[in-house]
Amino acid sequence: MKKNELILLGVLFFVDILSKYLLEHFILLGTSIQLIPNFFYLTTVHNTGAAWGILNGRMEFFFVVTLVVVALIGVMLFDEKTKKPLLRTSLVMILAGTLGNFYDRLVFGYVRDFLDFYIFGYNYPVFNFADCFLVIGFFLLAYFILTSDEE
């Protein structure tokens, strides 16, 4: 893993953990603060599952999946054949998001979520920065795969 990737991983992980810490310490659990009316709120919740509550309480499943993902990404990032910057950045973002939520599950037994959006009247599941990093990382990975001319 390259130095700049390690720095990016550390910064993303730190942003996720710090944001969760701050929100948890300054907003009571279950409390919602309106930032943009009828669109964006800060709402603190504890999530023992994944988005939309799927696999609620299945911590052992999340631990196994996390260890597999971390191992696979680790192998790819330490493989000198993996040279494309977009691919490597996507993997670092996925790793940062995975580790951020894994930390919560390991330490607290749940994931601390707080980003709450209402779009066209639908209240999307509350999420956090780790989830953002995962989604962005997967989109970058998909873009890389779809546009890469390599086999």
N, C-alpha and C. Protein backbone atom coordinates (compact mmCIF):
# COMPACT_ATOMS: atom_id res chain seq x y z
N MET A 1 0.85 -1.17 0.00
CA MET A 1 0.00 0.00 0.00
C MET A 1 0.90 1.24 0.00
N LYS A 2 0.56 2.17 -0.85
CA LYS A 2 1.37 3.38 -0.98
C LYS A 2 1.09 4.36 0.16
N LYS A 3 2.05 5.25 0.42
CA LYS A 3 1.94 6.20 1.52
C LYS A 3 0.70 7.09 1.37
N ASN A 4 0.45 7.61 0.15
CA ASN A 4 -0.71 8.49 -0.04
C ASN A 4 -2.02 7.74 0.17
N GLU A 5 -2.06 6.47 -0.16
CA GLU A 5 -3.27 5.67 0.05
C GLU A 5 -3.49 5.42 1.54
N LEU A 6 -2.41 5.19 2.25
CA LEU A 6 -2.50 4.99 3.69
C LEU A 6 -2.99 6.27 4.37
N ILE A 7 -2.51 7.41 3.89
CA ILE A 7 -2.96 8.70 4.43
C ILE A 7 -4.45 8.90 4.14
N LEU A 8 -4.87 8.63 2.89
CA LEU A 8 -6.29 8.75 2.54
C LEU A 8 -7.13 7.83 3.41
N LEU A 9 -6.71 6.60 3.58
CA LEU A 9 -7.43 5.65 4.41
C LEU A 9 -7.57 6.19 5.84
N GLY A 10 -6.46 6.70 6.39
CA GLY A 10 -6.48 7.24 7.74
C GLY A 10 -7.39 8.45 7.88
N VAL A 11 -7.33 9.35 6.91
CA VAL A 11 -8.16 10.56 6.95
C VAL A 11 -9.64 10.19 6.87
N LEU A 12 -10.00 9.31 5.95
CA LEU A 12 -11.40 8.92 5.80
C LEU A 12 -11.91 8.21 7.06
N PHE A 13 -11.11 7.31 7.59
CA PHE A 13 -11.48 6.60 8.82
C PHE A 13 -11.66 7.60 9.97
N PHE A 14 -10.73 8.54 10.09
CA PHE A 14 -10.79 9.54 11.15
C PHE A 14 -12.03 10.42 11.01
N VAL A 15 -12.34 10.86 9.80
CA VAL A 15 -13.54 11.69 9.56
C VAL A 15 -14.79 10.93 10.00
N ASP A 16 -14.86 9.66 9.65
CA ASP A 16 -16.03 8.86 10.01
C ASP A 16 -16.15 8.73 11.52
N ILE A 17 -15.09 8.31 12.18
CA ILE A 17 -15.13 8.07 13.63
C ILE A 17 -15.36 9.38 14.38
N LEU A 18 -14.69 10.45 13.97
CA LEU A 18 -14.86 11.73 14.64
C LEU A 18 -16.29 12.26 14.48
N SER A 19 -16.84 12.16 13.28
CA SER A 19 -18.21 12.65 13.05
C SER A 19 -19.20 11.87 13.91
N LYS A 20 -19.04 10.58 14.01
CA LYS A 20 -19.93 9.77 14.84
C LYS A 20 -19.79 10.15 16.31
N TYR A 21 -18.57 10.34 16.74
CA TYR A 21 -18.31 10.73 18.13
C TYR A 21 -18.98 12.07 18.45
N LEU A 22 -18.76 13.04 17.60
CA LEU A 22 -19.32 14.38 17.84
C LEU A 22 -20.84 14.36 17.87
N LEU A 23 -21.43 13.69 16.88
CA LEU A 23 -22.90 13.65 16.82
C LEU A 23 -23.46 12.91 18.02
N GLU A 24 -22.81 11.83 18.41
CA GLU A 24 -23.30 11.05 19.53
C GLU A 24 -23.20 11.82 20.85
N HIS A 25 -22.21 12.69 20.96
CA HIS A 25 -22.01 13.43 22.20
C HIS A 25 -22.77 14.77 22.25
N PHE A 26 -23.23 15.25 21.12
CA PHE A 26 -23.92 16.54 21.12
C PHE A 26 -25.39 16.47 20.74
N ILE A 27 -25.83 15.30 20.25
CA ILE A 27 -27.24 15.13 19.91
C ILE A 27 -27.74 13.85 20.58
N LEU A 28 -28.80 13.95 21.35
CA LEU A 28 -29.34 12.78 22.03
C LEU A 28 -29.81 11.73 21.03
N LEU A 29 -29.65 10.47 21.41
CA LEU A 29 -30.07 9.35 20.57
C LEU A 29 -31.55 9.51 20.19
N GLY A 30 -31.84 9.38 18.92
CA GLY A 30 -33.20 9.50 18.42
C GLY A 30 -33.64 10.92 18.13
N THR A 31 -32.80 11.88 18.47
CA THR A 31 -33.12 13.28 18.23
C THR A 31 -32.80 13.64 16.79
N SER A 32 -33.60 14.53 16.23
CA SER A 32 -33.41 14.95 14.86
C SER A 32 -33.29 16.47 14.80
N ILE A 33 -32.27 16.96 14.13
CA ILE A 33 -32.07 18.40 13.94
C ILE A 33 -32.23 18.71 12.46
N GLN A 34 -33.17 19.60 12.16
CA GLN A 34 -33.44 19.98 10.77
C GLN A 34 -32.37 20.94 10.28
N LEU A 35 -31.69 20.60 9.20
CA LEU A 35 -30.71 21.49 8.59
C LEU A 35 -31.26 22.14 7.33
N ILE A 36 -31.93 21.36 6.50
CA ILE A 36 -32.63 21.87 5.31
C ILE A 36 -34.06 21.34 5.40
N PRO A 37 -35.03 22.22 5.60
CA PRO A 37 -36.41 21.78 5.82
C PRO A 37 -36.90 20.79 4.77
N ASN A 38 -37.52 19.74 5.26
CA ASN A 38 -38.11 18.69 4.42
C ASN A 38 -37.11 18.01 3.49
N PHE A 39 -35.81 18.09 3.83
CA PHE A 39 -34.80 17.44 2.99
C PHE A 39 -33.68 16.79 3.78
N PHE A 40 -32.99 17.55 4.65
CA PHE A 40 -31.80 17.02 5.32
C PHE A 40 -31.84 17.30 6.82
N TYR A 41 -31.63 16.22 7.59
CA TYR A 41 -31.65 16.28 9.04
C TYR A 41 -30.44 15.52 9.59
N LEU A 42 -30.03 15.88 10.78
CA LEU A 42 -29.09 15.07 11.55
C LEU A 42 -29.93 14.32 12.57
N THR A 43 -29.95 13.00 12.45
CA THR A 43 -30.77 12.15 13.31
C THR A 43 -29.89 11.02 13.83
N THR A 44 -29.70 10.96 15.13
CA THR A 44 -28.83 9.92 15.69
C THR A 44 -29.61 8.64 15.93
N VAL A 45 -29.12 7.56 15.33
CA VAL A 45 -29.72 6.24 15.52
C VAL A 45 -28.61 5.21 15.68
N HIS A 46 -28.96 4.10 16.29
CA HIS A 46 -28.06 2.95 16.39
C HIS A 46 -28.61 1.86 15.47
N ASN A 47 -27.78 1.34 14.61
CA ASN A 47 -28.20 0.38 13.61
C ASN A 47 -27.48 -0.95 13.85
N THR A 48 -28.24 -2.00 14.14
CA THR A 48 -27.64 -3.32 14.35
C THR A 48 -27.71 -4.19 13.10
N GLY A 49 -28.13 -3.58 12.00
CA GLY A 49 -28.21 -4.32 10.74
C GLY A 49 -27.54 -3.53 9.63
N ALA A 50 -28.07 -3.68 8.44
CA ALA A 50 -27.60 -2.92 7.28
C ALA A 50 -28.72 -1.97 6.88
N ALA A 51 -28.60 -1.35 5.72
CA ALA A 51 -29.62 -0.41 5.25
C ALA A 51 -31.00 -1.07 5.24
N TRP A 52 -32.00 -0.25 5.55
CA TRP A 52 -33.38 -0.71 5.61
C TRP A 52 -33.59 -1.81 6.65
N GLY A 53 -32.64 -1.94 7.59
CA GLY A 53 -32.77 -2.89 8.69
C GLY A 53 -32.56 -4.35 8.29
N ILE A 54 -32.05 -4.59 7.09
CA ILE A 54 -31.84 -5.99 6.70
C ILE A 54 -30.74 -6.60 7.56
N LEU A 55 -30.90 -7.86 7.85
CA LEU A 55 -29.97 -8.63 8.68
C LEU A 55 -29.77 -8.00 10.05
N ASN A 56 -30.83 -7.46 10.59
CA ASN A 56 -30.79 -6.80 11.89
C ASN A 56 -30.29 -7.77 12.97
N GLY A 57 -29.27 -7.35 13.71
CA GLY A 57 -28.75 -8.14 14.82
C GLY A 57 -27.82 -9.28 14.42
N ARG A 58 -27.47 -9.39 13.16
CA ARG A 58 -26.62 -10.50 12.68
C ARG A 58 -25.14 -10.08 12.68
N MET A 59 -24.63 -9.73 13.83
CA MET A 59 -23.26 -9.23 13.94
C MET A 59 -22.23 -10.23 13.42
N GLU A 60 -22.44 -11.52 13.69
CA GLU A 60 -21.47 -12.52 13.23
C GLU A 60 -21.36 -12.50 11.71
N PHE A 61 -22.47 -12.30 11.02
CA PHE A 61 -22.44 -12.20 9.56
C PHE A 61 -21.60 -11.01 9.12
N PHE A 62 -21.83 -9.85 9.75
CA PHE A 62 -21.09 -8.64 9.39
C PHE A 62 -19.59 -8.78 9.70
N PHE A 63 -19.25 -9.47 10.78
CA PHE A 63 -17.84 -9.69 11.11
C PHE A 63 -17.16 -10.53 10.04
N VAL A 64 -17.81 -11.61 9.62
CA VAL A 64 -17.23 -12.50 8.60
C VAL A 64 -17.08 -11.76 7.28
N VAL A 65 -18.13 -11.07 6.84
CA VAL A 65 -18.08 -10.33 5.58
C VAL A 65 -16.97 -9.28 5.63
N THR A 66 -16.87 -8.57 6.75
CA THR A 66 -15.85 -7.54 6.89
C THR A 66 -14.46 -8.12 6.78
N LEU A 67 -14.20 -9.22 7.45
CA LEU A 67 -12.87 -9.84 7.40
C LEU A 67 -12.53 -10.30 5.99
N VAL A 68 -13.51 -10.84 5.28
CA VAL A 68 -13.28 -11.27 3.89
C VAL A 68 -12.98 -10.06 3.00
N VAL A 69 -13.78 -9.00 3.14
CA VAL A 69 -13.58 -7.79 2.32
C VAL A 69 -12.22 -7.17 2.60
N VAL A 70 -11.87 -7.03 3.87
CA VAL A 70 -10.58 -6.44 4.24
C VAL A 70 -9.43 -7.28 3.69
N ALA A 71 -9.55 -8.59 3.78
CA ALA A 71 -8.49 -9.46 3.26
C ALA A 71 -8.36 -9.33 1.75
N LEU A 72 -9.47 -9.35 1.03
CA LEU A 72 -9.42 -9.23 -0.43
C LEU A 72 -8.85 -7.89 -0.88
N ILE A 73 -9.32 -6.82 -0.25
CA ILE A 73 -8.81 -5.50 -0.62
C ILE A 73 -7.34 -5.37 -0.25
N GLY A 74 -6.97 -5.90 0.91
CA GLY A 74 -5.57 -5.87 1.32
C GLY A 74 -4.67 -6.57 0.31
N VAL A 75 -5.09 -7.72 -0.15
CA VAL A 75 -4.30 -8.45 -1.15
C VAL A 75 -4.16 -7.62 -2.42
N MET A 76 -5.25 -7.00 -2.86
CA MET A 76 -5.21 -6.20 -4.08
C MET A 76 -4.33 -4.96 -3.93
N LEU A 77 -4.41 -4.31 -2.77
CA LEU A 77 -3.63 -3.09 -2.57
C LEU A 77 -2.14 -3.38 -2.38
N PHE A 78 -1.81 -4.55 -1.89
CA PHE A 78 -0.40 -4.89 -1.72
C PHE A 78 0.18 -5.60 -2.95
N ASP A 79 -0.68 -5.92 -3.92
CA ASP A 79 -0.25 -6.54 -5.17
C ASP A 79 0.28 -5.45 -6.11
N GLU A 80 1.49 -5.57 -6.51
CA GLU A 80 2.11 -4.56 -7.36
C GLU A 80 1.50 -4.53 -8.77
N LYS A 81 0.73 -5.53 -9.13
CA LYS A 81 0.07 -5.54 -10.44
C LYS A 81 -1.14 -4.60 -10.47
N THR A 82 -1.66 -4.26 -9.29
CA THR A 82 -2.79 -3.34 -9.19
C THR A 82 -2.23 -1.93 -9.21
N LYS A 83 -2.13 -1.34 -10.41
CA LYS A 83 -1.44 -0.05 -10.55
C LYS A 83 -2.36 1.12 -10.86
N LYS A 84 -3.53 0.87 -11.38
CA LYS A 84 -4.41 1.95 -11.83
C LYS A 84 -4.88 2.79 -10.65
N PRO A 85 -4.62 4.11 -10.68
CA PRO A 85 -4.98 4.98 -9.55
C PRO A 85 -6.48 4.96 -9.21
N LEU A 86 -7.35 4.94 -10.22
CA LEU A 86 -8.78 4.94 -9.95
C LEU A 86 -9.19 3.66 -9.22
N LEU A 87 -8.66 2.54 -9.65
CA LEU A 87 -8.96 1.27 -9.00
C LEU A 87 -8.47 1.29 -7.55
N ARG A 88 -7.26 1.75 -7.34
CA ARG A 88 -6.68 1.78 -6.01
C ARG A 88 -7.45 2.74 -5.09
N THR A 89 -7.85 3.89 -5.62
CA THR A 89 -8.61 4.85 -4.82
C THR A 89 -9.97 4.26 -4.44
N SER A 90 -10.62 3.59 -5.37
CA SER A 90 -11.91 2.98 -5.06
C SER A 90 -11.76 1.93 -3.96
N LEU A 91 -10.70 1.15 -4.02
CA LEU A 91 -10.47 0.13 -3.00
C LEU A 91 -10.18 0.74 -1.64
N VAL A 92 -9.42 1.84 -1.61
CA VAL A 92 -9.13 2.52 -0.34
C VAL A 92 -10.42 3.07 0.25
N MET A 93 -11.29 3.64 -0.57
CA MET A 93 -12.56 4.19 -0.07
C MET A 93 -13.46 3.07 0.48
N ILE A 94 -13.52 1.96 -0.23
CA ILE A 94 -14.31 0.82 0.25
C ILE A 94 -13.73 0.30 1.57
N LEU A 95 -12.42 0.22 1.65
CA LEU A 95 -11.76 -0.24 2.87
C LEU A 95 -12.03 0.72 4.03
N ALA A 96 -11.95 2.01 3.80
CA ALA A 96 -12.20 3.00 4.85
C ALA A 96 -13.63 2.88 5.38
N GLY A 97 -14.59 2.77 4.48
CA GLY A 97 -15.99 2.63 4.90
C GLY A 97 -16.23 1.33 5.66
N THR A 98 -15.63 0.27 5.17
CA THR A 98 -15.77 -1.03 5.82
C THR A 98 -15.20 -0.98 7.23
N LEU A 99 -14.01 -0.40 7.36
CA LEU A 99 -13.37 -0.34 8.68
C LEU A 99 -14.11 0.59 9.63
N GLY A 100 -14.66 1.69 9.11
CA GLY A 100 -15.41 2.61 9.97
C GLY A 100 -16.62 1.94 10.60
N ASN A 101 -17.39 1.22 9.81
CA ASN A 101 -18.56 0.54 10.36
C ASN A 101 -18.16 -0.69 11.19
N PHE A 102 -17.07 -1.35 10.81
CA PHE A 102 -16.58 -2.49 11.58
C PHE A 102 -16.16 -2.05 12.98
N TYR A 103 -15.49 -0.91 13.05
CA TYR A 103 -15.09 -0.37 14.35
C TYR A 103 -16.32 -0.21 15.26
N ASP A 104 -17.37 0.39 14.72
CA ASP A 104 -18.58 0.58 15.51
C ASP A 104 -19.16 -0.75 15.97
N ARG A 105 -19.27 -1.70 15.06
CA ARG A 105 -19.85 -3.00 15.42
C ARG A 105 -19.01 -3.70 16.49
N LEU A 106 -17.70 -3.61 16.35
CA LEU A 106 -16.80 -4.27 17.28
C LEU A 106 -16.83 -3.61 18.66
N VAL A 107 -16.80 -2.28 18.70
CA VAL A 107 -16.72 -1.55 19.96
C VAL A 107 -18.09 -1.39 20.62
N PHE A 108 -19.13 -1.08 19.84
CA PHE A 108 -20.43 -0.75 20.41
C PHE A 108 -21.51 -1.83 20.21
N GLY A 109 -21.32 -2.69 19.22
CA GLY A 109 -22.35 -3.68 18.92
C GLY A 109 -23.42 -3.15 17.97
N TYR A 110 -23.20 -1.97 17.43
CA TYR A 110 -24.11 -1.35 16.48
C TYR A 110 -23.33 -0.28 15.72
N VAL A 111 -23.92 0.20 14.62
CA VAL A 111 -23.31 1.28 13.83
C VAL A 111 -24.03 2.57 14.17
N ARG A 112 -23.26 3.62 14.37
CA ARG A 112 -23.82 4.94 14.69
C ARG A 112 -24.09 5.70 13.38
N ASP A 113 -25.36 5.96 13.11
CA ASP A 113 -25.78 6.65 11.89
C ASP A 113 -26.38 8.00 12.25
N PHE A 114 -26.32 8.95 11.30
CA PHE A 114 -26.85 10.29 11.60
C PHE A 114 -27.26 11.11 10.39
N LEU A 115 -26.90 10.75 9.18
CA LEU A 115 -27.27 11.51 7.99
C LEU A 115 -28.65 11.04 7.53
N ASP A 116 -29.62 11.94 7.54
CA ASP A 116 -31.02 11.58 7.32
C ASP A 116 -31.62 12.47 6.23
N PHE A 117 -32.00 11.85 5.11
CA PHE A 117 -32.53 12.59 3.97
C PHE A 117 -33.97 12.19 3.67
N TYR A 118 -34.77 13.19 3.34
CA TYR A 118 -36.13 13.01 2.82
C TYR A 118 -36.09 13.50 1.38
N ILE A 119 -36.28 12.58 0.44
CA ILE A 119 -36.24 12.96 -0.97
C ILE A 119 -37.56 12.56 -1.61
N PHE A 120 -38.25 13.57 -2.16
CA PHE A 120 -39.57 13.37 -2.76
C PHE A 120 -40.53 12.70 -1.77
N GLY A 121 -40.42 13.12 -0.50
CA GLY A 121 -41.31 12.62 0.54
C GLY A 121 -40.92 11.28 1.13
N TYR A 122 -39.87 10.66 0.62
CA TYR A 122 -39.44 9.36 1.13
C TYR A 122 -38.28 9.56 2.10
N ASN A 123 -38.41 8.99 3.28
CA ASN A 123 -37.34 9.06 4.27
C ASN A 123 -36.38 7.90 4.06
N TYR A 124 -35.22 8.19 3.50
CA TYR A 124 -34.22 7.16 3.25
C TYR A 124 -33.62 6.69 4.57
N PRO A 125 -33.08 5.48 4.61
CA PRO A 125 -32.44 5.01 5.84
C PRO A 125 -31.32 5.97 6.26
N VAL A 126 -31.20 6.18 7.55
CA VAL A 126 -30.17 7.04 8.10
C VAL A 126 -28.82 6.35 7.91
N PHE A 127 -27.80 7.12 7.55
CA PHE A 127 -26.49 6.54 7.28
C PHE A 127 -25.39 7.43 7.82
N ASN A 128 -24.14 7.08 7.54
CA ASN A 128 -23.00 7.83 8.07
C ASN A 128 -21.94 8.02 6.97
N PHE A 129 -20.83 8.63 7.33
CA PHE A 129 -19.78 8.87 6.33
C PHE A 129 -19.14 7.58 5.83
N ALA A 130 -19.02 6.57 6.69
CA ALA A 130 -18.47 5.29 6.24
C ALA A 130 -19.31 4.74 5.09
N ASP A 131 -20.63 4.85 5.23
CA ASP A 131 -21.53 4.40 4.16
C ASP A 131 -21.31 5.20 2.88
N CYS A 132 -21.08 6.51 3.03
CA CYS A 132 -20.79 7.36 1.86
C CYS A 132 -19.51 6.88 1.16
N PHE A 133 -18.48 6.60 1.95
CA PHE A 133 -17.22 6.16 1.37
C PHE A 133 -17.40 4.82 0.65
N LEU A 134 -18.20 3.93 1.23
CA LEU A 134 -18.48 2.64 0.58
C LEU A 134 -19.18 2.84 -0.76
N VAL A 135 -20.22 3.65 -0.76
CA VAL A 135 -20.99 3.86 -1.99
C VAL A 135 -20.13 4.53 -3.06
N ILE A 136 -19.42 5.58 -2.69
CA ILE A 136 -18.55 6.26 -3.66
C ILE A 136 -17.49 5.31 -4.17
N GLY A 137 -16.89 4.54 -3.26
CA GLY A 137 -15.88 3.56 -3.67
C GLY A 137 -16.42 2.53 -4.65
N PHE A 138 -17.64 2.02 -4.39
CA PHE A 138 -18.23 1.05 -5.29
C PHE A 138 -18.59 1.67 -6.64
N PHE A 139 -19.05 2.91 -6.65
CA PHE A 139 -19.33 3.59 -7.93
C PHE A 139 -18.04 3.80 -8.72
N LEU A 140 -16.97 4.21 -8.04
CA LEU A 140 -15.67 4.35 -8.72
C LEU A 140 -15.18 3.02 -9.26
N LEU A 141 -15.36 1.97 -8.48
CA LEU A 141 -14.95 0.63 -8.92
C LEU A 141 -15.77 0.20 -10.14
N ALA A 142 -17.07 0.42 -10.10
CA ALA A 142 -17.92 0.06 -11.24
C ALA A 142 -17.52 0.86 -12.47
N TYR A 143 -17.26 2.15 -12.30
CA TYR A 143 -16.83 2.98 -13.41
C TYR A 143 -15.51 2.46 -13.99
N PHE A 144 -14.58 2.12 -13.11
CA PHE A 144 -13.30 1.59 -13.56
C PHE A 144 -13.50 0.31 -14.37
N ILE A 145 -14.32 -0.59 -13.84
CA ILE A 145 -14.55 -1.87 -14.52
C ILE A 145 -15.21 -1.65 -15.89
N LEU A 146 -16.19 -0.76 -15.95
CA LEU A 146 -16.93 -0.53 -17.19
C LEU A 146 -16.11 0.22 -18.24
N THR A 147 -15.14 1.00 -17.81
CA THR A 147 -14.37 1.80 -18.76
C THR A 147 -12.96 1.27 -19.02
N SER A 148 -12.57 0.26 -18.26
CA SER A 148 -11.22 -0.29 -18.40
C SER A 148 -11.13 -1.13 -19.66
N ASP A 149 -10.03 -1.00 -20.34
CA ASP A 149 -9.82 -1.81 -21.54
C ASP A 149 -9.00 -3.06 -21.22
N GLU A 150 -8.74 -3.27 -19.93
CA GLU A 150 -7.97 -4.46 -19.52
C GLU A 150 -8.92 -5.63 -19.32
N GLU A 151 -8.38 -6.81 -19.44
CA GLU A 151 -9.16 -8.04 -19.22
C GLU A 151 -9.30 -8.28 -17.74
